[in-house]
Amino acid sequence: MNYRNDKSGNKVSILGYGCMRFSRKNGGVDIEKTEKEIMAAFEAGVNYYDTAYLYPGSEDSLGQILEKNGIREKVNIATKLPQYLVKKPGDIDKFFDEELRRLRTGYVDYYLMHHITDFSQWERLKRLGIGEWIAAQKTSGRIRNIGFSYHGNTDGFVRALNDFDWDFCQIQYNYVDETSQAGRAGLEAAQEKGIPVIIMEPLRGGKLVDKLPVKAKKLVADSGIYGGLTLSDTGKAAALAFRWLWDQPGVTCVLSGMNSLEMIKENCAAADASQAGCMEAEERELISKIKKIISETEKVGCTGCRYCMPCPAGVDIPTIFYYYNLMYSDGKWTGRSEYAQTNSLRNEPAFATLCVGCGKCESHCPQEIPIRAKLKEADRALRPLPYKIGAKIMKKYMVRK
């Protein structure tokens, strides 16, 4: 296993264990199967285990397994404050104390403010005294590193990044999400500040593996690269996505929701063979071909270059087009739900309906996209009435003032 340093110089395995997708049995976590998988990952060198308050049964199962096998002190636990459930200062302690009980531990190695979609959420936590609370927990040793997980746009991410002395952060990032959410720009902003970055959704929930288009799957199956590894076709697709991330020095750890021994074996083998600068020219070319195949379903030829920004009226043009295209590459539910959390769950959403038709964006677009017309088209597709209602309810729940 290869490792990279956190902000304090501690070694973190470049492959982390995402604990959201533990196998289920009889309505709960399949603890016996999960134990075998976690111990296989531990023996292979994985030392970062990521869970959260709202992952059903995850914290409790992880705590049981680590305690039973006597390895708590040999691994790093990352879990998260459900900031969207915090209504008053006392709630912070209530949730954190419950998490420690579930995890059977007296401290958390990496603690995150969970699911930040808008800077206003962090501002609300500050008003509730989160800064003083964090300082007290770090002084007592109950929290060793503090960070946040992020699902909003790049500008919001950079703003949050610069507003506090963070030890690390967590973003969604992969070779098709290079210009969405925090994106490469966010990754590089964190790297410039020396803040380690943990990557979630490196495979987009399997969409870069078993859910790839048939033509892309064949290209992967016929390839013979990935650091000279012998892998299954599924393992090749995963390794390609992982190596694209590990090739970038700003990436500290990549999370994978592993739930089979074969998956753990192949992912760990890929991690053993990967480091910054590891990608071969053939791998980069293969990714370019896969992205082109995926883009064949696009409705708008937007490259995310952002030459159209900033919009005088406040419309987030690249974000809207990205999720409009995602509706047709990954499914309508995926495109709409991810758009809802990235744009709708902001204190001041940047919807297409804000467009005043000035045309400034079109004069700057290298692709010569009829942006004004496409914005209307995208808004109708992304926000049908049921989604508008659902997003309004979610915002009331997630983004409190």
Protein backbone atom coordinates (compact mmCIF):
# COMPACT_ATOMS: atom_id res chain seq x y z
CA MET A 1 0.00 0.00 0.00
CA ASN A 2 1.19 3.50 -0.78
CA TYR A 3 0.64 6.37 1.65
CA ARG A 4 0.50 10.15 1.60
CA ASN A 5 0.88 12.56 4.48
CA ASP A 6 -1.86 14.48 6.22
CA LYS A 7 -1.30 18.03 7.46
CA SER A 8 0.57 16.78 10.55
CA GLY A 9 2.76 14.39 8.61
CA ASN A 10 0.84 11.23 9.56
CA LYS A 11 0.61 8.49 6.92
CA VAL A 12 -2.76 7.95 5.26
CA SER A 13 -3.33 5.07 2.85
CA ILE A 14 -4.10 6.37 -0.65
CA LEU A 15 -7.03 3.93 -0.74
CA GLY A 16 -9.65 4.53 1.93
CA TYR A 17 -12.56 2.31 2.92
CA GLY A 18 -15.94 3.96 2.30
CA CYS A 19 -18.32 2.53 4.88
CA MET A 20 -21.63 3.75 3.42
CA ARG A 21 -22.24 0.63 1.34
CA PHE A 22 -21.70 -2.22 3.80
CA SER A 23 -23.50 -5.39 2.67
CA ARG A 24 -26.98 -5.79 4.20
CA LYS A 25 -28.66 -8.84 5.69
CA ASN A 26 -32.04 -9.21 7.41
CA GLY A 27 -32.59 -5.47 7.40
CA GLY A 28 -29.22 -4.57 8.90
CA VAL A 29 -25.50 -4.70 8.20
CA ASP A 30 -24.14 -8.17 7.40
CA ILE A 31 -21.60 -7.95 10.19
CA GLU A 32 -19.81 -11.25 9.53
CA LYS A 33 -19.25 -10.52 5.84
CA THR A 34 -18.29 -6.92 6.56
CA GLU A 35 -15.78 -7.98 9.20
CA LYS A 36 -13.99 -10.25 6.74
CA GLU A 37 -13.83 -7.45 4.19
CA ILE A 38 -12.61 -4.78 6.60
CA MET A 39 -9.93 -7.09 7.98
CA ALA A 40 -8.81 -8.02 4.46
CA ALA A 41 -8.43 -4.32 3.68
CA PHE A 42 -6.59 -3.72 6.96
CA GLU A 43 -4.16 -6.57 6.25
CA ALA A 44 -3.52 -5.07 2.81
CA GLY A 45 -2.56 -1.74 4.39
CA VAL A 46 -5.77 0.35 4.28
CA ASN A 47 -5.78 2.58 7.36
CA TYR A 48 -8.54 5.13 6.62
CA TYR A 49 -12.19 4.18 7.28
CA ASP A 50 -14.91 6.71 6.42
CA THR A 51 -18.38 6.56 7.97
CA ALA A 52 -21.10 9.03 9.02
CA TYR A 53 -23.90 9.53 11.52
CA LEU A 54 -26.61 8.89 8.93
CA TYR A 55 -25.12 5.79 7.26
CA PRO A 56 -27.51 3.10 8.56
CA GLY A 57 -25.69 0.83 11.02
CA SER A 58 -22.28 1.88 9.71
CA GLU A 59 -20.72 3.58 12.74
CA ASP A 60 -21.89 0.86 15.11
CA SER A 61 -20.69 -1.98 12.84
CA LEU A 62 -17.30 -0.37 12.27
CA GLY A 63 -16.88 0.18 16.00
CA GLN A 64 -17.74 -3.45 16.76
CA ILE A 65 -15.29 -4.79 14.19
CA LEU A 66 -12.38 -2.57 15.19
CA GLU A 67 -12.90 -3.32 18.90
CA LYS A 68 -13.29 -7.08 18.41
CA ASN A 69 -10.07 -7.31 16.39
CA GLY A 70 -8.08 -4.94 18.60
CA ILE A 71 -7.09 -2.60 15.77
CA ARG A 72 -8.70 0.70 16.79
CA GLU A 73 -5.33 2.33 17.51
CA LYS A 74 -3.92 1.09 14.20
CA VAL A 75 -6.46 2.78 11.92
CA ASN A 76 -7.94 6.20 11.25
CA ILE A 77 -11.67 6.70 11.73
CA ALA A 78 -13.38 9.47 9.80
CA THR A 79 -16.97 10.33 10.66
CA LYS A 80 -19.21 13.35 10.29
CA LEU A 81 -21.37 15.83 12.17
CA PRO A 82 -24.87 15.90 10.62
CA GLN A 83 -24.83 19.71 10.51
CA TYR A 84 -28.23 19.76 8.82
CA LEU A 85 -29.75 18.27 12.02
CA VAL A 86 -28.10 20.75 14.38
CA LYS A 87 -30.66 23.28 15.66
CA LYS A 88 -28.99 24.53 18.84
CA PRO A 89 -25.46 24.47 20.35
CA GLY A 90 -26.21 21.47 22.56
CA ASP A 91 -27.02 19.32 19.55
CA ILE A 92 -23.37 19.30 18.50
CA ASP A 93 -22.28 17.48 21.66
CA LYS A 94 -25.34 15.24 21.52
CA PHE A 95 -24.51 13.92 18.06
CA PHE A 96 -20.76 13.68 18.64
CA ASP A 97 -21.13 11.81 21.95
CA GLU A 98 -23.51 9.35 20.29
CA GLU A 99 -21.01 8.79 17.50
CA LEU A 100 -18.23 8.04 19.98
CA ARG A 101 -20.49 5.51 21.72
CA ARG A 102 -21.37 3.83 18.43
CA LEU A 103 -17.72 3.68 17.38
CA ARG A 104 -16.58 2.43 20.81
CA THR A 105 -13.80 4.96 20.96
CA GLY A 106 -12.76 8.05 22.89
CA TYR A 107 -11.65 10.04 19.87
CA VAL A 108 -12.10 10.48 16.13
CA ASP A 109 -9.07 10.88 13.89
CA TYR A 110 -10.84 12.86 11.14
CA TYR A 111 -14.11 14.68 11.84
CA LEU A 112 -16.08 16.43 9.11
CA MET A 113 -18.90 18.92 8.86
CA HIS A 114 -21.12 16.73 6.70
CA HIS A 115 -22.65 17.64 3.35
CA ILE A 116 -21.95 21.36 3.05
CA THR A 117 -23.72 22.65 -0.07
CA ASP A 118 -23.64 26.37 0.65
CA PHE A 119 -21.37 28.70 2.63
CA SER A 120 -24.39 29.82 4.67
CA GLN A 121 -24.48 26.39 6.35
CA TRP A 122 -20.97 26.93 7.69
CA GLU A 123 -21.87 30.48 8.77
CA ARG A 124 -24.83 29.12 10.74
CA LEU A 125 -22.58 26.61 12.51
CA LYS A 126 -20.22 29.44 13.41
CA ARG A 127 -23.10 31.37 14.97
CA LEU A 128 -23.85 28.27 17.04
CA GLY A 129 -20.27 28.26 18.36
CA ILE A 130 -18.73 25.52 16.25
CA GLY A 131 -15.33 27.23 16.17
CA GLU A 132 -15.03 27.23 19.96
CA TRP A 133 -16.39 23.69 20.11
CA ILE A 134 -13.80 22.42 17.62
CA ALA A 135 -10.99 24.12 19.56
CA ALA A 136 -12.15 22.45 22.79
CA GLN A 137 -12.40 19.00 21.20
CA LYS A 138 -8.94 19.28 19.64
CA THR A 139 -7.45 20.44 22.96
CA SER A 140 -9.04 17.48 24.76
CA GLY A 141 -7.87 15.05 22.06
CA ARG A 142 -11.38 13.89 21.17
CA ILE A 143 -10.89 15.20 17.62
CA ARG A 144 -7.48 15.04 15.96
CA ASN A 145 -8.24 16.56 12.54
CA ILE A 146 -11.17 18.73 11.49
CA GLY A 147 -12.56 19.05 7.97
CA PHE A 148 -15.70 19.35 5.87
CA SER A 149 -17.32 17.39 3.05
CA TYR A 150 -18.61 19.47 0.19
CA HIS A 151 -21.29 19.22 -2.53
CA GLY A 152 -21.76 22.80 -3.76
CA ASN A 153 -20.00 24.71 -6.53
CA THR A 154 -16.33 25.67 -6.86
CA ASP A 155 -16.72 29.23 -5.65
CA GLY A 156 -18.51 28.14 -2.48
CA PHE A 157 -15.91 25.47 -1.84
CA VAL A 158 -13.01 27.92 -2.08
CA ARG A 159 -14.83 30.37 0.16
CA ALA A 160 -15.35 27.71 2.84
CA LEU A 161 -11.78 26.48 2.39
CA ASN A 162 -10.40 29.96 3.12
CA ASP A 163 -12.67 30.71 6.06
CA PHE A 164 -11.21 28.35 8.67
CA ASP A 165 -7.99 26.60 9.58
CA TRP A 166 -9.03 23.22 8.21
CA ASP A 167 -6.90 20.10 8.56
CA PHE A 168 -8.47 18.39 5.52
CA CYS A 169 -11.52 18.37 3.25
CA GLN A 170 -13.56 15.90 1.23
CA ILE A 171 -14.93 16.41 -2.29
CA GLN A 172 -16.66 14.45 -5.06
CA TYR A 173 -14.16 14.20 -7.90
CA ASN A 174 -13.50 11.82 -10.80
CA TYR A 175 -12.59 12.02 -14.47
CA VAL A 176 -16.12 12.98 -15.55
CA ASP A 177 -16.68 15.40 -12.64
CA GLU A 178 -13.51 17.35 -13.33
CA THR A 179 -15.33 20.68 -13.70
CA SER A 180 -18.36 20.14 -11.45
CA GLN A 181 -18.75 20.76 -7.70
CA ALA A 182 -15.33 21.63 -6.20
CA GLY A 183 -13.65 20.15 -9.29
CA ARG A 184 -10.00 20.34 -10.26
CA ALA A 185 -9.95 24.06 -9.42
CA GLY A 186 -11.04 23.27 -5.86
CA LEU A 187 -8.54 20.44 -5.54
CA GLU A 188 -5.70 22.70 -6.64
CA ALA A 189 -6.85 25.48 -4.30
CA ALA A 190 -6.65 23.04 -1.38
CA GLN A 191 -3.27 21.76 -2.55
CA GLU A 192 -1.93 25.33 -2.69
CA LYS A 193 -2.94 25.80 0.95
CA GLY A 194 -1.43 22.48 1.96
CA ILE A 195 -4.82 20.99 2.88
CA PRO A 196 -5.18 17.23 2.27
CA VAL A 197 -8.11 16.21 0.05
CA ILE A 198 -10.15 13.03 0.50
CA ILE A 199 -12.01 11.92 -2.63
CA MET A 200 -15.53 10.52 -2.55
CA GLU A 201 -17.44 9.01 -5.49
CA PRO A 202 -14.31 8.25 -7.55
CA LEU A 203 -16.40 5.79 -9.60
CA ARG A 204 -19.64 7.81 -9.52
CA GLY A 205 -21.42 5.03 -7.64
CA GLY A 206 -20.29 2.40 -10.16
CA LYS A 207 -21.12 4.44 -13.26
CA LEU A 208 -17.44 4.42 -14.29
CA VAL A 209 -17.29 0.64 -13.89
CA ASP A 210 -20.24 -1.69 -14.51
CA LYS A 211 -22.52 1.11 -15.74
CA LEU A 212 -20.18 2.40 -18.44
CA PRO A 213 -21.60 2.46 -22.00
CA VAL A 214 -21.06 -0.82 -23.83
CA LYS A 215 -18.52 0.71 -26.25
CA ALA A 216 -16.51 2.07 -23.34
CA LYS A 217 -16.60 -1.26 -21.51
CA LYS A 218 -15.12 -2.97 -24.57
CA LEU A 219 -12.29 -0.44 -24.78
CA VAL A 220 -11.43 -1.08 -21.14
CA ALA A 221 -11.65 -4.86 -21.53
CA ASP A 222 -9.31 -4.81 -24.53
CA SER A 223 -6.71 -2.63 -22.78
CA GLY A 224 -3.68 -4.08 -21.03
CA ILE A 225 -2.16 -1.32 -18.93
CA TYR A 226 -2.74 -0.09 -15.34
CA GLY A 227 0.79 -0.46 -14.05
CA GLY A 228 1.20 -3.97 -15.41
CA LEU A 229 -1.56 -5.39 -13.19
CA THR A 230 -3.62 -8.45 -14.05
CA LEU A 231 -7.21 -7.46 -13.30
CA SER A 232 -10.76 -8.40 -14.19
CA ASP A 233 -12.58 -6.10 -16.62
CA THR A 234 -14.36 -4.49 -13.66
CA GLY A 235 -11.05 -4.14 -11.82
CA LYS A 236 -9.49 -2.50 -14.88
CA ALA A 237 -12.24 0.12 -15.07
CA ALA A 238 -11.91 0.88 -11.36
CA ALA A 239 -8.12 1.00 -11.53
CA LEU A 240 -8.24 3.42 -14.45
CA ALA A 241 -10.44 5.83 -12.47
CA PHE A 242 -8.37 5.45 -9.31
CA ARG A 243 -5.06 5.95 -11.10
CA TRP A 244 -6.38 9.13 -12.72
CA LEU A 245 -6.87 10.44 -9.19
CA TRP A 246 -3.69 9.08 -7.61
CA ASP A 247 -1.70 10.56 -10.48
CA GLN A 248 -2.54 13.98 -9.00
CA PRO A 249 -0.35 14.92 -6.00
CA GLY A 250 -3.14 17.01 -4.44
CA VAL A 251 -5.20 13.87 -3.85
CA THR A 252 -4.44 12.37 -0.42
CA CYS A 253 -6.87 9.45 -0.18
CA VAL A 254 -9.51 7.95 -2.50
CA LEU A 255 -12.54 6.32 -0.87
CA SER A 256 -14.04 3.15 -2.26
CA GLY A 257 -17.24 1.54 -1.00
CA MET A 258 -15.81 -1.97 -1.16
CA ASN A 259 -18.17 -4.84 -0.37
CA SER A 260 -16.48 -7.95 -1.74
CA LEU A 261 -13.11 -9.59 -1.12
CA GLU A 262 -12.35 -9.57 -4.85
CA MET A 263 -13.01 -5.83 -5.04
CA ILE A 264 -10.71 -5.22 -2.07
CA LYS A 265 -7.97 -7.38 -3.54
CA GLU A 266 -8.03 -5.63 -6.93
CA ASN A 267 -8.36 -2.11 -5.52
CA CYS A 268 -5.49 -2.67 -3.11
CA ALA A 269 -3.35 -4.06 -5.94
CA ALA A 270 -4.06 -0.90 -7.94
CA ALA A 271 -3.10 1.23 -4.93
CA ASP A 272 0.15 -0.72 -4.54
CA ALA A 273 1.05 0.14 -8.15
CA SER A 274 0.07 3.82 -8.14
CA GLN A 275 1.62 7.09 -7.09
CA ALA A 276 1.74 10.71 -8.26
CA GLY A 277 2.70 10.81 -11.93
CA CYS A 278 1.87 7.13 -12.43
CA MET A 279 -0.42 7.35 -15.45
CA GLU A 280 0.81 6.17 -18.82
CA ALA A 281 0.00 7.96 -22.07
CA GLU A 282 -2.18 5.04 -23.15
CA GLU A 283 -4.29 5.37 -20.01
CA ARG A 284 -4.87 9.08 -20.59
CA GLU A 285 -5.88 8.38 -24.17
CA LEU A 286 -8.28 5.68 -23.02
CA ILE A 287 -9.94 8.07 -20.57
CA SER A 288 -10.30 10.65 -23.35
CA LYS A 289 -12.05 8.06 -25.53
CA ILE A 290 -14.36 7.01 -22.68
CA LYS A 291 -15.32 10.61 -21.95
CA LYS A 292 -16.06 11.13 -25.63
CA ILE A 293 -18.34 8.08 -25.66
CA ILE A 294 -20.14 9.33 -22.55
CA SER A 295 -20.50 12.79 -24.11
CA GLU A 296 -22.37 11.33 -27.10
CA THR A 297 -25.53 11.57 -25.02
CA GLU A 298 -25.01 15.26 -24.19
CA LYS A 299 -27.73 17.80 -24.87
CA VAL A 300 -25.38 20.81 -24.70
CA GLY A 301 -21.76 20.84 -25.88
CA CYS A 302 -20.54 22.72 -22.80
CA THR A 303 -16.94 21.95 -21.81
CA GLY A 304 -17.12 23.70 -18.42
CA CYS A 305 -14.48 26.26 -19.48
CA ARG A 306 -16.43 29.00 -17.62
CA TYR A 307 -15.65 31.71 -20.19
CA CYS A 308 -19.35 32.60 -19.89
CA MET A 309 -18.91 33.47 -16.22
CA PRO A 310 -19.56 35.46 -14.16
CA CYS A 311 -23.14 35.99 -15.26
CA PRO A 312 -24.33 39.53 -14.43
CA ALA A 313 -27.65 38.10 -13.24
CA GLY A 314 -26.07 35.37 -11.11
CA VAL A 315 -26.93 32.31 -13.23
CA ASP A 316 -24.52 29.40 -12.74
CA ILE A 317 -24.44 28.48 -16.43
CA PRO A 318 -21.83 25.64 -16.46
CA THR A 319 -23.47 23.91 -13.48
CA ILE A 320 -26.89 23.95 -15.12
CA PHE A 321 -25.56 22.52 -18.40
CA TYR A 322 -23.46 19.90 -16.61
CA TYR A 323 -26.45 18.43 -14.78
CA TYR A 324 -28.69 18.76 -17.83
CA ASN A 325 -26.21 16.58 -19.71
CA LEU A 326 -25.95 14.24 -16.72
CA MET A 327 -29.67 13.53 -16.98
CA TYR A 328 -28.99 11.83 -20.32
CA SER A 329 -25.69 10.13 -19.50
CA ASP A 330 -26.48 8.86 -16.00
CA GLY A 331 -30.28 9.02 -15.87
CA LYS A 332 -32.89 11.67 -15.15
CA TRP A 333 -33.04 10.91 -11.43
CA THR A 334 -29.27 11.29 -11.05
CA GLY A 335 -29.10 14.55 -12.98
CA ARG A 336 -32.04 16.12 -11.18
CA SER A 337 -31.12 14.97 -7.68
CA GLU A 338 -27.48 16.04 -7.99
CA TYR A 339 -28.55 19.38 -9.44
CA ALA A 340 -30.88 19.84 -6.51
CA GLN A 341 -28.10 19.39 -3.95
CA THR A 342 -25.53 21.43 -5.89
CA ASN A 343 -27.70 24.40 -6.90
CA SER A 344 -31.09 24.21 -5.18
CA LEU A 345 -29.55 23.70 -1.73
CA ARG A 346 -27.82 27.07 -1.74
CA ASN A 347 -28.88 30.13 0.19
CA GLU A 348 -29.16 31.99 -3.12
CA PRO A 349 -29.74 29.43 -5.92
CA ALA A 350 -28.41 30.39 -9.35
CA PHE A 351 -31.31 29.10 -11.43
CA ALA A 352 -31.73 29.72 -15.16
CA THR A 353 -34.88 31.73 -14.40
CA LEU A 354 -32.61 34.57 -13.23
CA CYS A 355 -31.43 35.07 -16.84
CA VAL A 356 -32.29 38.55 -18.17
CA GLY A 357 -31.33 37.70 -21.75
CA CYS A 358 -28.42 40.14 -22.01
CA GLY A 359 -26.40 37.73 -24.19
CA LYS A 360 -23.04 38.54 -22.60
CA CYS A 361 -22.40 34.83 -22.02
CA GLU A 362 -22.93 33.95 -25.69
CA SER A 363 -20.41 36.54 -26.84
CA HIS A 364 -17.74 34.79 -24.74
CA CYS A 365 -18.62 31.13 -25.46
CA PRO A 366 -15.89 29.34 -27.50
CA GLN A 367 -18.40 26.63 -28.43
CA GLU A 368 -20.90 29.19 -29.79
CA ILE A 369 -23.70 27.64 -27.75
CA PRO A 370 -27.07 29.45 -27.89
CA ILE A 371 -26.89 29.73 -24.13
CA ARG A 372 -30.07 31.72 -23.51
CA ALA A 373 -32.28 29.23 -25.35
CA LYS A 374 -30.49 26.22 -23.86
CA LEU A 375 -30.86 27.59 -20.32
CA LYS A 376 -34.63 27.66 -20.68
CA GLU A 377 -34.60 24.14 -22.12
CA ALA A 378 -32.36 22.87 -19.30
CA ASP A 379 -34.41 24.49 -16.56
CA ARG A 380 -37.61 22.85 -17.81
CA ALA A 381 -35.89 19.46 -17.82
CA LEU A 382 -34.06 19.80 -14.48
CA ARG A 383 -36.87 21.35 -12.48
CA PRO A 384 -40.30 19.92 -13.25
CA LEU A 385 -42.92 20.84 -10.65
CA PRO A 386 -42.42 17.80 -8.36
CA TYR A 387 -38.70 18.53 -8.16
CA LYS A 388 -39.31 22.20 -7.39
CA ILE A 389 -41.54 21.18 -4.50
CA GLY A 390 -39.08 18.55 -3.28
CA ALA A 391 -36.12 20.92 -3.49
CA LYS A 392 -38.02 23.58 -1.54
CA ILE A 393 -38.70 21.08 1.24
CA MET A 394 -35.09 19.86 1.24
CA LYS A 395 -33.76 23.41 1.40
CA LYS A 396 -35.93 24.19 4.42
CA TYR A 397 -34.50 21.09 6.10
CA MET A 398 -30.85 21.35 4.98
CA VAL A 399 -30.11 25.07 4.69
CA ARG A 400 -31.31 26.77 7.85
CA LYS A 401 -30.66 30.43 8.52
